[in-house]
C-alpha atoms as a PDB file:
ATOM      1  CA  UNK A   1      24.383  23.589  -7.033  1.00  0.00           C
ATOM      2  CA  UNK A   2      20.770  23.073  -6.031  1.00  0.00           C
ATOM      3  CA  UNK A   3      18.685  20.689  -8.112  1.00  0.00           C
ATOM      4  CA  UNK A   4      15.085  19.574  -7.793  1.00  0.00           C
ATOM      5  CA  UNK A   5      14.236  16.812 -10.262  1.00  0.00           C
ATOM      6  CA  UNK A   6      10.623  15.750 -10.716  1.00  0.00           C
ATOM      7  CA  UNK A   7       9.544  12.437 -12.164  1.00  0.00           C
ATOM      8  CA  UNK A   8       6.444  10.278 -12.438  1.00  0.00           C
ATOM      9  CA  UNK A   9       4.271  12.358 -14.712  1.00  0.00           C
ATOM     10  CA  UNK A  10       2.460  10.961 -17.722  1.00  0.00           C
ATOM     11  CA  UNK A  11      -0.859  10.194 -19.350  1.00  0.00           C
ATOM     12  CA  UNK A  12      -3.554   8.579 -17.225  1.00  0.00           C
ATOM     13  CA  UNK A  13      -7.270   7.936 -17.653  1.00  0.00           C
ATOM     14  CA  UNK A  14      -9.832   9.702 -15.455  1.00  0.00           C
ATOM     15  CA  UNK A  15     -10.087   7.913 -12.130  1.00  0.00           C
ATOM     16  CA  UNK A  16      -6.532   6.676 -12.347  1.00  0.00           C
ATOM     17  CA  UNK A  17      -3.528   7.315 -10.128  1.00  0.00           C
ATOM     18  CA  UNK A  18      -0.007   8.647 -10.430  1.00  0.00           C
ATOM     19  CA  UNK A  19       2.782   9.228  -7.963  1.00  0.00           C
ATOM     20  CA  UNK A  20       5.109  12.139  -8.538  1.00  0.00           C
ATOM     21  CA  UNK A  21       8.574  12.262  -6.996  1.00  0.00           C
ATOM     22  CA  UNK A  22      10.930  15.183  -6.503  1.00  0.00           C
ATOM     23  CA  UNK A  23      14.535  14.409  -5.635  1.00  0.00           C
ATOM     24  CA  UNK A  24      16.519  17.267  -4.151  1.00  0.00           C
ATOM     25  CA  UNK A  25      20.267  17.788  -4.024  1.00  0.00           C
ATOM     26  CA  UNK A  26      22.493  20.630  -2.906  1.00  0.00           C
ATOM     27  CA  UNK A  27      20.297  21.638   0.045  1.00  0.00           C
ATOM     28  CA  UNK A  28      19.758  20.522   3.622  1.00  0.00           C
ATOM     29  CA  UNK A  29      16.499  18.913   2.561  1.00  0.00           C
ATOM     30  CA  UNK A  30      15.083  18.214   6.025  1.00  0.00           C
ATOM     31  CA  UNK A  31      15.190  21.918   6.872  1.00  0.00           C
ATOM     32  CA  UNK A  32      13.052  22.931   3.919  1.00  0.00           C
ATOM     33  CA  UNK A  33       9.314  23.074   3.451  1.00  0.00           C
ATOM     34  CA  UNK A  34       8.279  21.385   0.236  1.00  0.00           C
ATOM     35  CA  UNK A  35       5.409  22.137  -2.073  1.00  0.00           C
ATOM     36  CA  UNK A  36       3.816  20.823  -5.218  1.00  0.00           C
ATOM     37  CA  UNK A  37       2.388  23.435  -7.575  1.00  0.00           C
ATOM     38  CA  UNK A  38       0.723  23.086 -10.939  1.00  0.00           C
ATOM     39  CA  UNK A  39       0.114  25.262 -13.939  1.00  0.00           C
ATOM     40  CA  UNK A  40      -2.451  24.509 -16.607  1.00  0.00           C
ATOM     41  CA  UNK A  41      -2.346  26.223 -20.022  1.00  0.00           C
ATOM     42  CA  UNK A  42      -3.565  29.798 -19.770  1.00  0.00           C
ATOM     43  CA  UNK A  43      -3.777  29.687 -15.989  1.00  0.00           C
ATOM     44  CA  UNK A  44      -1.632  30.889 -13.108  1.00  0.00           C
ATOM     45  CA  UNK A  45       0.539  28.533 -11.149  1.00  0.00           C
ATOM     46  CA  UNK A  46      -1.306  27.322  -8.064  1.00  0.00           C
ATOM     47  CA  UNK A  47      -0.351  25.532  -4.877  1.00  0.00           C
ATOM     48  CA  UNK A  48      -1.563  21.927  -4.794  1.00  0.00           C
ATOM     49  CA  UNK A  49      -0.030  20.573  -1.584  1.00  0.00           C
ATOM     50  CA  UNK A  50       2.511  21.652   0.990  1.00  0.00           C
ATOM     51  CA  UNK A  51       4.485  19.913   3.719  1.00  0.00           C
ATOM     52  CA  UNK A  52       6.547  21.667   6.354  1.00  0.00           C
ATOM     53  CA  UNK A  53       9.919  20.525   7.654  1.00  0.00           C
ATOM     54  CA  UNK A  54       8.026  19.155  10.677  1.00  0.00           C
ATOM     55  CA  UNK A  55       5.661  17.162   8.477  1.00  0.00           C
ATOM     56  CA  UNK A  56       2.502  19.274   8.695  1.00  0.00           C
ATOM     57  CA  UNK A  57       0.509  19.235   5.484  1.00  0.00           C
ATOM     58  CA  UNK A  58      -2.118  21.298   3.744  1.00  0.00           C
ATOM     59  CA  UNK A  59      -3.907  20.952   0.435  1.00  0.00           C
ATOM     60  CA  UNK A  60      -5.832  22.956  -2.106  1.00  0.00           C
ATOM     61  CA  UNK A  61      -9.558  22.372  -1.708  1.00  0.00           C
ATOM     62  CA  UNK A  62      -9.728  20.929  -5.209  1.00  0.00           C
ATOM     63  CA  UNK A  63      -7.453  18.000  -4.307  1.00  0.00           C
ATOM     64  CA  UNK A  64      -8.339  17.303  -0.669  1.00  0.00           C
ATOM     65  CA  UNK A  65      -9.126  13.657  -0.133  1.00  0.00           C
ATOM     66  CA  UNK A  66      -7.549  12.664  -3.456  1.00  0.00           C
ATOM     67  CA  UNK A  67      -3.910  13.768  -3.213  1.00  0.00           C
ATOM     68  CA  UNK A  68      -1.364  13.023  -0.486  1.00  0.00           C
ATOM     69  CA  UNK A  69       1.981  14.740  -0.035  1.00  0.00           C
ATOM     70  CA  UNK A  70       4.756  13.029   1.898  1.00  0.00           C
ATOM     71  CA  UNK A  71       8.483  13.312   2.359  1.00  0.00           C
ATOM     72  CA  UNK A  72      11.404  10.984   2.984  1.00  0.00           C
ATOM     73  CA  UNK A  73      14.246  12.995   4.462  1.00  0.00           C
ATOM     74  CA  UNK A  74      16.628  10.033   4.247  1.00  0.00           C
ATOM     75  CA  UNK A  75      16.153  10.041   0.466  1.00  0.00           C
ATOM     76  CA  UNK A  76      15.864  13.836   0.068  1.00  0.00           C
ATOM     77  CA  UNK A  77      12.623  13.219  -1.772  1.00  0.00           C
ATOM     78  CA  UNK A  78       9.086  14.555  -1.623  1.00  0.00           C
ATOM     79  CA  UNK A  79       6.163  12.675  -3.153  1.00  0.00           C
ATOM     80  CA  UNK A  80       2.699  13.484  -4.386  1.00  0.00           C
ATOM     81  CA  UNK A  81       0.320  10.551  -4.558  1.00  0.00           C
ATOM     82  CA  UNK A  82      -2.566  11.478  -6.837  1.00  0.00           C
ATOM     83  CA  UNK A  83      -5.689   9.310  -6.859  1.00  0.00           C
ATOM     84  CA  UNK A  84      -9.070   9.657  -8.540  1.00  0.00           C
ATOM     85  CA  UNK A  85      -7.562  11.917 -11.149  1.00  0.00           C
ATOM     86  CA  UNK A  86      -9.802  14.224 -13.138  1.00  0.00           C
ATOM     87  CA  UNK A  87      -9.277  15.942 -16.500  1.00  0.00           C
ATOM     88  CA  UNK A  88      -9.039  19.257 -14.648  1.00  0.00           C
ATOM     89  CA  UNK A  89      -5.920  17.950 -12.890  1.00  0.00           C
ATOM     90  CA  UNK A  90      -4.098  18.166 -16.215  1.00  0.00           C
ATOM     91  CA  UNK A  91      -1.145  20.522 -15.808  1.00  0.00           C
ATOM     92  CA  UNK A  92       2.597  20.792 -15.465  1.00  0.00           C
ATOM     93  CA  UNK A  93       3.444  19.948 -11.864  1.00  0.00           C
ATOM     94  CA  UNK A  94       6.368  21.684 -10.191  1.00  0.00           C
ATOM     95  CA  UNK A  95       8.253  20.899  -7.020  1.00  0.00           C
ATOM     96  CA  UNK A  96       9.295  23.742  -4.737  1.00  0.00           C
ATOM     97  CA  UNK A  97      11.671  23.897  -1.788  1.00  0.00           C
ATOM     98  CA  UNK A  98      11.483  26.869   0.539  1.00  0.00           C
ATOM     99  CA  UNK A  99      13.244  27.989   3.679  1.00  0.00           C
ATOM    100  CA  UNK A 100      13.325  31.311   5.461  1.00  0.00           C
ATOM    101  CA  UNK A 101      16.354  31.917   7.656  1.00  0.00           C
ATOM    102  CA  UNK A 102      17.333  35.590   7.720  1.00  0.00           C
ATOM    103  CA  UNK A 103      16.682  35.515   3.973  1.00  0.00           C
ATOM    104  CA  UNK A 104      14.413  33.383   1.848  1.00  0.00           C
ATOM    105  CA  UNK A 105      15.775  30.410  -0.035  1.00  0.00           C
ATOM    106  CA  UNK A 106      13.399  29.307  -2.795  1.00  0.00           C
ATOM    107  CA  UNK A 107      14.036  26.684  -5.462  1.00  0.00           C
ATOM    108  CA  UNK A 108      11.984  25.146  -8.283  1.00  0.00           C
ATOM    109  CA  UNK A 109      12.153  21.996 -10.308  1.00  0.00           C
ATOM    110  CA  UNK A 110      11.757  21.892 -14.065  1.00  0.00           C
ATOM    111  CA  UNK A 111       8.244  20.449 -13.975  1.00  0.00           C
ATOM    112  CA  UNK A 112       6.601  17.231 -15.082  1.00  0.00           C
ATOM    113  CA  UNK A 113       3.533  16.959 -17.291  1.00  0.00           C
ATOM    114  CA  UNK A 114       0.419  15.225 -16.005  1.00  0.00           C
ATOM    115  CA  UNK A 115      -2.346  14.617 -18.531  1.00  0.00           C
ATOM    116  CA  UNK A 116      -5.666  13.102 -17.503  1.00  0.00           C
ATOM    117  CA  UNK A 117      -7.636  12.035 -20.532  1.00  0.00           C
ATOM    118  CA  UNK A 118      -9.567   9.113 -21.933  1.00  0.00           C
END
């Protein structure tokens, strides 16, 4: 059974920092690309940051220079370090694991709420 479990969300003031974690089980984690997505109320889910199995990263323009995605294959965990948070970063953040090998394998976590407010 595949599980992706996010943690680290919460309430933070503008300018503050949070680190999200996503622990995976039931998959060969190192073979998967990992992504962090977010969905704000009334908006579509959007890609925030992505890291390939080889460690290459890319970011949404809105978070470049503020967010950093990383992975620890020994711990089957992907992280999202979020600095200089803004109210517009408020959303539910979801972890995604994806692999394409003959067919596509795609898994989602349950989400963790991040609220940026004074």
